[in-house]
Structure formats: structure tokens, C-alpha cells
Protein backbone atom coordinates (compact mmCIF):
# COMPACT_ATOMS: atom_id res chain seq x y z
CA MET A 1 -96.01 15.51 -51.40
CA PRO A 2 -96.97 16.46 -48.41
CA ALA A 3 -99.46 13.75 -47.26
CA ALA A 4 -96.00 11.86 -46.67
CA ASN A 5 -95.08 14.16 -43.36
CA ASP A 6 -97.34 11.68 -41.73
CA TRP A 7 -96.70 8.34 -43.26
CA PRO A 8 -95.19 6.03 -40.40
CA GLN A 9 -91.14 6.47 -40.46
CA PRO A 10 -89.63 2.91 -40.87
CA ALA A 11 -87.17 1.57 -38.21
CA GLY A 12 -83.81 2.31 -38.50
CA GLN A 13 -81.58 -0.80 -39.11
CA THR A 14 -77.76 -1.78 -38.43
CA VAL A 15 -76.90 -4.32 -40.71
CA THR A 16 -73.21 -6.14 -40.21
CA LEU A 17 -71.35 -8.84 -41.30
CA ASN A 18 -69.51 -11.12 -38.87
CA GLY A 19 -70.30 -7.94 -35.83
CA ARG A 20 -69.32 -5.21 -37.84
CA ASP A 21 -71.27 -2.83 -39.94
CA ASP A 22 -68.37 -1.65 -42.23
CA PHE A 23 -67.89 -4.74 -43.03
CA ALA A 24 -71.72 -4.54 -44.20
CA LYS A 25 -70.67 -1.87 -46.78
CA HIS A 26 -67.29 -3.19 -48.12
CA PHE A 27 -69.65 -6.32 -48.88
CA MET A 28 -72.58 -4.11 -50.40
CA VAL A 29 -70.47 -1.73 -52.61
CA SER A 30 -68.18 -4.21 -53.62
CA ALA A 31 -71.22 -6.22 -54.98
CA ALA A 32 -72.98 -3.32 -56.90
CA LEU A 33 -69.55 -2.71 -58.39
CA ALA A 34 -69.01 -6.22 -59.86
CA ALA A 35 -72.62 -6.89 -60.82
CA ASN A 36 -72.43 -3.54 -63.04
CA ALA A 37 -68.35 -2.96 -64.11
CA GLY A 38 -66.87 -6.30 -63.37
CA GLU A 39 -64.73 -7.99 -60.65
CA PRO A 40 -61.50 -6.22 -61.50
CA PHE A 41 -62.60 -2.83 -61.79
CA SER A 42 -64.52 -3.80 -57.81
CA ASP A 43 -61.25 -5.62 -56.54
CA ALA A 44 -59.32 -2.51 -57.92
CA VAL A 45 -62.18 0.01 -55.74
CA GLY A 46 -61.44 -1.76 -52.56
CA LEU A 47 -57.49 -2.35 -52.82
CA TYR A 48 -57.43 1.29 -53.86
CA LYS A 49 -59.70 2.33 -50.60
CA GLU A 50 -57.17 0.02 -48.33
CA ILE A 51 -53.93 1.60 -49.90
CA GLU A 52 -55.56 5.16 -49.57
CA ASP A 53 -56.40 3.60 -45.31
CA PHE A 54 -52.59 2.86 -44.98
CA ARG A 55 -51.83 5.96 -46.16
CA GLY A 56 -53.63 8.42 -43.68
CA GLY A 57 -57.08 6.38 -42.50
CA SER A 58 -57.22 3.51 -40.22
CA GLY A 59 -54.55 1.39 -42.15
CA PHE A 60 -54.74 -1.39 -43.82
CA SER A 61 -56.67 -3.94 -43.38
CA PHE A 62 -57.23 -7.24 -44.57
CA ASN A 63 -60.70 -7.82 -42.87
CA ASP A 64 -61.93 -5.18 -45.09
CA ILE A 65 -60.32 -6.86 -48.19
CA ALA A 66 -62.27 -9.96 -47.44
CA ALA A 67 -65.62 -8.16 -47.56
CA ASP A 68 -64.54 -6.81 -50.48
CA ARG A 69 -63.99 -10.27 -52.18
CA ALA A 70 -67.20 -11.70 -50.76
CA GLY A 71 -69.25 -8.75 -52.20
CA THR A 72 -67.47 -8.81 -55.52
CA ARG A 73 -67.78 -13.03 -55.62
CA PHE A 74 -71.72 -12.37 -55.01
CA GLY A 75 -71.78 -9.45 -57.96
CA ALA A 76 -70.24 -11.70 -60.25
CA TYR A 77 -71.99 -14.48 -59.17
CA ALA A 78 -75.24 -12.75 -58.99
CA MET A 79 -74.65 -12.05 -62.63
CA THR A 80 -74.29 -14.81 -64.31
CA SER A 81 -77.08 -16.36 -66.31
CA SER A 82 -76.15 -20.25 -65.24
CA ALA A 83 -75.75 -19.33 -61.03
CA ALA A 84 -78.70 -16.36 -60.90
CA LYS A 85 -81.26 -19.02 -60.78
CA LYS A 86 -79.82 -21.19 -58.17
CA LEU A 87 -78.71 -17.82 -56.29
CA GLN A 88 -82.54 -17.11 -56.01
CA GLN A 89 -83.44 -20.41 -55.28
CA LYS A 90 -80.89 -20.11 -52.60
CA LEU A 91 -81.57 -16.43 -51.12
CA ASN A 92 -85.41 -17.73 -51.06
CA ALA A 93 -84.84 -20.67 -49.07
CA GLY A 94 -83.48 -18.07 -46.12
CA ILE A 95 -79.83 -17.88 -46.00
CA SER A 96 -76.96 -16.67 -42.92
CA GLU A 97 -73.98 -14.56 -42.78
CA LYS A 98 -71.94 -17.65 -42.76
CA ASP A 99 -73.21 -18.38 -46.63
CA ILE A 100 -71.35 -15.12 -47.74
CA MET A 101 -68.70 -13.97 -45.81
CA PRO A 102 -65.88 -15.86 -44.45
CA ALA A 103 -64.01 -15.61 -41.36
CA THR A 104 -62.16 -12.81 -40.75
CA GLN A 105 -60.97 -12.35 -37.33
CA ASP A 106 -57.15 -13.97 -37.17
CA LEU A 107 -56.32 -11.56 -40.43
CA PRO A 108 -54.64 -8.53 -40.07
CA GLU A 109 -55.88 -4.64 -39.60
CA PHE A 110 -55.27 -1.26 -38.62
CA MET A 111 -51.99 -1.38 -40.45
CA PRO A 112 -49.80 1.89 -41.26
CA GLU A 113 -48.17 1.80 -44.53
CA THR A 114 -44.39 1.38 -43.11
CA GLU A 115 -46.04 -1.59 -40.80
CA PHE A 116 -48.08 -3.26 -44.37
CA LYS A 117 -44.75 -3.26 -46.17
CA ARG A 118 -42.56 -4.49 -43.33
CA ARG A 119 -44.83 -7.32 -42.93
CA PHE A 120 -46.30 -8.04 -46.35
CA GLY A 121 -44.03 -6.10 -48.84
CA GLY A 122 -46.41 -4.16 -51.41
CA VAL A 123 -49.18 -5.40 -53.47
CA ASP A 124 -47.14 -7.32 -55.49
CA ALA A 125 -44.92 -9.64 -53.00
CA PRO A 126 -44.77 -12.74 -52.31
CA GLU A 127 -47.04 -12.51 -48.04
CA TYR A 128 -49.22 -10.39 -50.07
CA LYS A 129 -49.77 -12.33 -52.70
CA LYS A 130 -49.71 -15.34 -50.08
CA MET A 131 -52.41 -13.72 -47.91
CA MET A 132 -55.14 -12.82 -50.79
CA ALA A 133 -54.70 -16.72 -51.60
CA GLU A 134 -56.07 -17.29 -48.59
CA ILE A 135 -58.98 -14.49 -48.66
CA GLU A 136 -59.60 -16.20 -51.74
CA ARG A 137 -59.46 -19.77 -50.82
CA ARG A 138 -62.28 -18.83 -47.95
CA VAL A 139 -64.51 -16.95 -49.48
CA ALA A 140 -64.42 -19.83 -52.68
CA ALA A 141 -65.32 -22.33 -49.58
CA LEU A 142 -68.51 -20.29 -48.34
CA PRO A 143 -71.56 -22.69 -48.57
CA LEU A 144 -73.36 -20.37 -51.23
CA TYR A 145 -70.99 -21.11 -54.00
CA ARG A 146 -71.04 -24.99 -53.54
């Protein structure tokens, strides 16, 4: 459609959660994965990405995991028939990012593999599970799910 070249172009927007655009990306991808393939798959993809990051990227980030878990919870919640209408009503009434995204500023991030293993022992270790339980607690306490 050649006429489309003359259409007005929308202004670019940067979407952030907790002031970071990468959190919005983690959230949205996780929500879509959870809604379409289920929570376990979404969780596995998020964890895999962080493991890849500690092996040569930006390092393991519990902040990213928190954004992943918040998105996963949102996607799974949206697909639950008993919650879908309630979710739609809340979205129509207006929500803020504090309704869907937990606090992350105190969570460890940018950890290379050696530091992650030293501090948390690995993904089956008690310290890792303790941190994940804290993230789950924060996500469960979000206003959208009350």
C-alpha cells in the first residue's frame, strides 16, 4: 500500500518497570509465554536466560527473575477463567506498575557464574531457593492479585 508511506508515524515510546526498560521486556515475554505455554515453560525460559547471562553476558540477575516471575504470574492469571473478568475490571479501572511489579532495588544482580555459585550455591541450593521464595512472596503480595 503505497499510501501508507504518507500516514503519520506514531511517536516512539519506551516502556519501563521500576525505571528499567529491560524489566518491561522480561515481564511481557514471560507473560506471553505463561499465557500460551504455561508457567513451568515461562519459568524455564527465564532461568535459562539468566544462566546464559552468568556464563558470559551481563551476569545472573535476581531483578530479571523478579520481572520474569511477575510477568509469568500476570500471564497465568489472565488465562484463568475465574480471574479473567476480575483482571479486566482492574485493568479498566487503572493500575500502576506497583500493582504488577515487585520491588527489585535490593535484589542481587550482575553476578558472573563464580560469584553466583559462591553466594547462592546453584539453582538447587538452599540460598538460591530462599531468594526465589522471597521473590515469590513479593509477587504474591502485589495488589493486582489481592
